[in-house]
Amino acid sequence: MPSPDPDLLPETIRCPFCNARMDLYQEERAGKKFECPACNREIDLRNTPSQLTNMFARMGKKDK
């Protein structure tokens, strides 16, 4: 099995605004730009590494 591309987002992420689960298409994962289907906010992670880092940090936290 090939190793995952480190430049791609995961296939499933949570919206950083409303925490809705999103399944991303390959183009969205590579382009790092998409719209949340729940809150309709545009998420553009192309030039914001801190937002991306924060999003992944929140994804790793377990619900209490």
N, C-alpha and C. Protein backbone atom coordinates (compact mmCIF):
# COMPACT_ATOMS: atom_id res chain seq x y z
N MET A 1 0.86 -1.19 0.00
CA MET A 1 0.00 0.00 0.00
C MET A 1 0.90 1.24 0.00
N PRO A 2 0.65 2.21 -0.89
CA PRO A 2 1.48 3.41 -0.93
C PRO A 2 1.25 4.27 0.29
N SER A 3 2.29 4.98 0.69
CA SER A 3 2.15 5.85 1.86
C SER A 3 1.32 7.07 1.49
N PRO A 4 0.57 7.63 2.45
CA PRO A 4 -0.27 8.79 2.15
C PRO A 4 0.58 9.99 1.79
N ASP A 5 0.04 10.82 0.94
CA ASP A 5 0.72 12.05 0.53
C ASP A 5 0.65 13.05 1.68
N PRO A 6 1.80 13.50 2.19
CA PRO A 6 1.77 14.44 3.33
C PRO A 6 1.19 15.80 2.99
N ASP A 7 1.06 16.13 1.69
CA ASP A 7 0.50 17.42 1.29
C ASP A 7 -1.01 17.41 1.22
N LEU A 8 -1.62 16.23 1.36
CA LEU A 8 -3.08 16.13 1.29
C LEU A 8 -3.69 16.19 2.69
N LEU A 9 -4.86 16.78 2.77
CA LEU A 9 -5.64 16.72 4.01
C LEU A 9 -6.20 15.31 4.14
N PRO A 10 -6.64 14.93 5.33
CA PRO A 10 -7.30 13.62 5.47
C PRO A 10 -8.60 13.58 4.66
N GLU A 11 -9.10 12.39 4.40
CA GLU A 11 -10.34 12.24 3.64
C GLU A 11 -11.54 12.79 4.40
N THR A 12 -11.51 12.69 5.71
CA THR A 12 -12.59 13.20 6.56
C THR A 12 -12.00 14.14 7.59
N ILE A 13 -12.59 15.33 7.70
CA ILE A 13 -12.14 16.31 8.70
C ILE A 13 -13.36 16.92 9.37
N ARG A 14 -13.13 17.77 10.36
CA ARG A 14 -14.18 18.53 11.04
C ARG A 14 -14.04 20.00 10.65
N CYS A 15 -15.16 20.65 10.44
CA CYS A 15 -15.15 22.07 10.12
C CYS A 15 -14.57 22.84 11.31
N PRO A 16 -13.61 23.74 11.07
CA PRO A 16 -13.05 24.51 12.18
C PRO A 16 -14.02 25.54 12.75
N PHE A 17 -15.13 25.79 12.05
CA PHE A 17 -16.11 26.78 12.51
C PHE A 17 -17.27 26.14 13.28
N CYS A 18 -17.83 25.05 12.73
CA CYS A 18 -19.03 24.48 13.36
C CYS A 18 -18.83 23.03 13.81
N ASN A 19 -17.67 22.47 13.54
CA ASN A 19 -17.29 21.12 13.96
C ASN A 19 -18.06 20.01 13.22
N ALA A 20 -18.72 20.35 12.12
CA ALA A 20 -19.42 19.33 11.32
C ALA A 20 -18.40 18.44 10.63
N ARG A 21 -18.75 17.18 10.48
CA ARG A 21 -17.88 16.24 9.78
C ARG A 21 -18.01 16.47 8.27
N MET A 22 -16.87 16.49 7.59
CA MET A 22 -16.86 16.69 6.15
C MET A 22 -16.02 15.61 5.49
N ASP A 23 -16.57 15.03 4.43
CA ASP A 23 -15.82 14.11 3.59
C ASP A 23 -15.33 14.91 2.40
N LEU A 24 -14.01 14.95 2.20
CA LEU A 24 -13.44 15.79 1.15
C LEU A 24 -13.11 14.99 -0.10
N TYR A 25 -13.34 15.62 -1.25
CA TYR A 25 -12.92 15.05 -2.53
C TYR A 25 -11.42 15.22 -2.69
N GLN A 26 -10.83 14.46 -3.57
CA GLN A 26 -9.38 14.52 -3.81
C GLN A 26 -8.92 15.94 -4.12
N GLU A 27 -9.68 16.66 -4.97
CA GLU A 27 -9.30 18.03 -5.35
C GLU A 27 -9.32 18.96 -4.14
N GLU A 28 -10.30 18.78 -3.25
CA GLU A 28 -10.39 19.61 -2.05
C GLU A 28 -9.23 19.30 -1.11
N ARG A 29 -8.90 18.02 -1.00
CA ARG A 29 -7.80 17.62 -0.12
C ARG A 29 -6.48 18.20 -0.62
N ALA A 30 -6.26 18.17 -1.91
CA ALA A 30 -5.01 18.68 -2.49
C ALA A 30 -4.98 20.20 -2.49
N GLY A 31 -6.14 20.83 -2.81
CA GLY A 31 -6.20 22.27 -2.91
C GLY A 31 -6.37 22.98 -1.60
N LYS A 32 -6.82 22.24 -0.57
CA LYS A 32 -7.02 22.79 0.77
C LYS A 32 -8.00 23.96 0.79
N LYS A 33 -8.98 23.93 -0.13
CA LYS A 33 -10.01 24.96 -0.16
C LYS A 33 -11.34 24.27 -0.40
N PHE A 34 -12.33 24.55 0.46
CA PHE A 34 -13.62 23.89 0.36
C PHE A 34 -14.64 24.66 1.15
N GLU A 35 -15.92 24.26 1.02
CA GLU A 35 -17.00 24.89 1.75
C GLU A 35 -17.66 23.86 2.65
N CYS A 36 -17.94 24.26 3.88
CA CYS A 36 -18.61 23.36 4.81
C CYS A 36 -20.07 23.20 4.41
N PRO A 37 -20.56 21.98 4.24
CA PRO A 37 -21.96 21.79 3.86
C PRO A 37 -22.93 22.14 4.98
N ALA A 38 -22.46 22.19 6.22
CA ALA A 38 -23.36 22.48 7.35
C ALA A 38 -23.52 23.98 7.58
N CYS A 39 -22.41 24.72 7.63
CA CYS A 39 -22.50 26.15 7.94
C CYS A 39 -22.23 27.05 6.73
N ASN A 40 -21.89 26.42 5.60
CA ASN A 40 -21.65 27.13 4.33
C ASN A 40 -20.51 28.14 4.39
N ARG A 41 -19.61 27.99 5.34
CA ARG A 41 -18.45 28.88 5.41
C ARG A 41 -17.34 28.33 4.54
N GLU A 42 -16.64 29.23 3.87
CA GLU A 42 -15.52 28.82 3.04
C GLU A 42 -14.30 28.61 3.93
N ILE A 43 -13.63 27.50 3.71
CA ILE A 43 -12.44 27.16 4.47
C ILE A 43 -11.29 27.11 3.48
N ASP A 44 -10.32 27.98 3.67
CA ASP A 44 -9.18 28.07 2.77
C ASP A 44 -7.92 27.90 3.59
N LEU A 45 -7.32 26.73 3.50
CA LEU A 45 -6.14 26.41 4.30
C LEU A 45 -4.86 26.44 3.47
N ARG A 46 -4.92 27.04 2.29
CA ARG A 46 -3.76 27.03 1.40
C ARG A 46 -2.58 27.81 1.96
N ASN A 47 -2.82 28.95 2.57
CA ASN A 47 -1.73 29.79 3.04
C ASN A 47 -1.82 30.07 4.53
N THR A 48 -2.45 29.18 5.26
CA THR A 48 -2.62 29.40 6.69
C THR A 48 -2.18 28.17 7.47
N PRO A 49 -0.89 27.92 7.56
CA PRO A 49 -0.44 26.71 8.27
C PRO A 49 -0.87 26.68 9.72
N SER A 50 -1.03 27.82 10.37
CA SER A 50 -1.44 27.81 11.77
C SER A 50 -2.88 27.31 11.90
N GLN A 51 -3.77 27.70 10.97
CA GLN A 51 -5.14 27.19 11.00
C GLN A 51 -5.14 25.69 10.79
N LEU A 52 -4.32 25.21 9.87
CA LEU A 52 -4.25 23.78 9.59
C LEU A 52 -3.73 23.04 10.81
N THR A 53 -2.70 23.56 11.44
CA THR A 53 -2.15 22.93 12.64
C THR A 53 -3.19 22.89 13.76
N ASN A 54 -3.90 24.01 13.96
CA ASN A 54 -4.93 24.06 15.00
C ASN A 54 -6.07 23.09 14.70
N MET A 55 -6.44 22.97 13.43
CA MET A 55 -7.52 22.07 13.06
C MET A 55 -7.13 20.63 13.36
N PHE A 56 -5.91 20.23 12.99
CA PHE A 56 -5.46 18.87 13.26
C PHE A 56 -5.34 18.63 14.77
N ALA A 57 -4.94 19.64 15.52
CA ALA A 57 -4.83 19.49 16.98
C ALA A 57 -6.21 19.23 17.57
N ARG A 58 -7.24 19.98 17.11
CA ARG A 58 -8.59 19.76 17.61
C ARG A 58 -9.13 18.39 17.21
N MET A 59 -8.76 17.93 16.02
CA MET A 59 -9.23 16.61 15.57
C MET A 59 -8.66 15.51 16.45
N GLY A 60 -7.47 15.72 17.00
CA GLY A 60 -6.84 14.71 17.81
C GLY A 60 -7.37 14.65 19.23
N LYS A 61 -8.08 15.70 19.67
CA LYS A 61 -8.62 15.71 21.04
C LYS A 61 -9.82 14.80 21.13
N LYS A 62 -9.93 14.10 22.24
CA LYS A 62 -11.07 13.22 22.47
C LYS A 62 -12.16 13.99 23.18
N ASP A 63 -13.42 13.69 22.82
CA ASP A 63 -14.55 14.33 23.50
C ASP A 63 -14.62 13.86 24.93
N LYS A 64 -14.94 14.80 25.83
CA LYS A 64 -15.04 14.45 27.25
C LYS A 64 -16.46 14.25 27.65
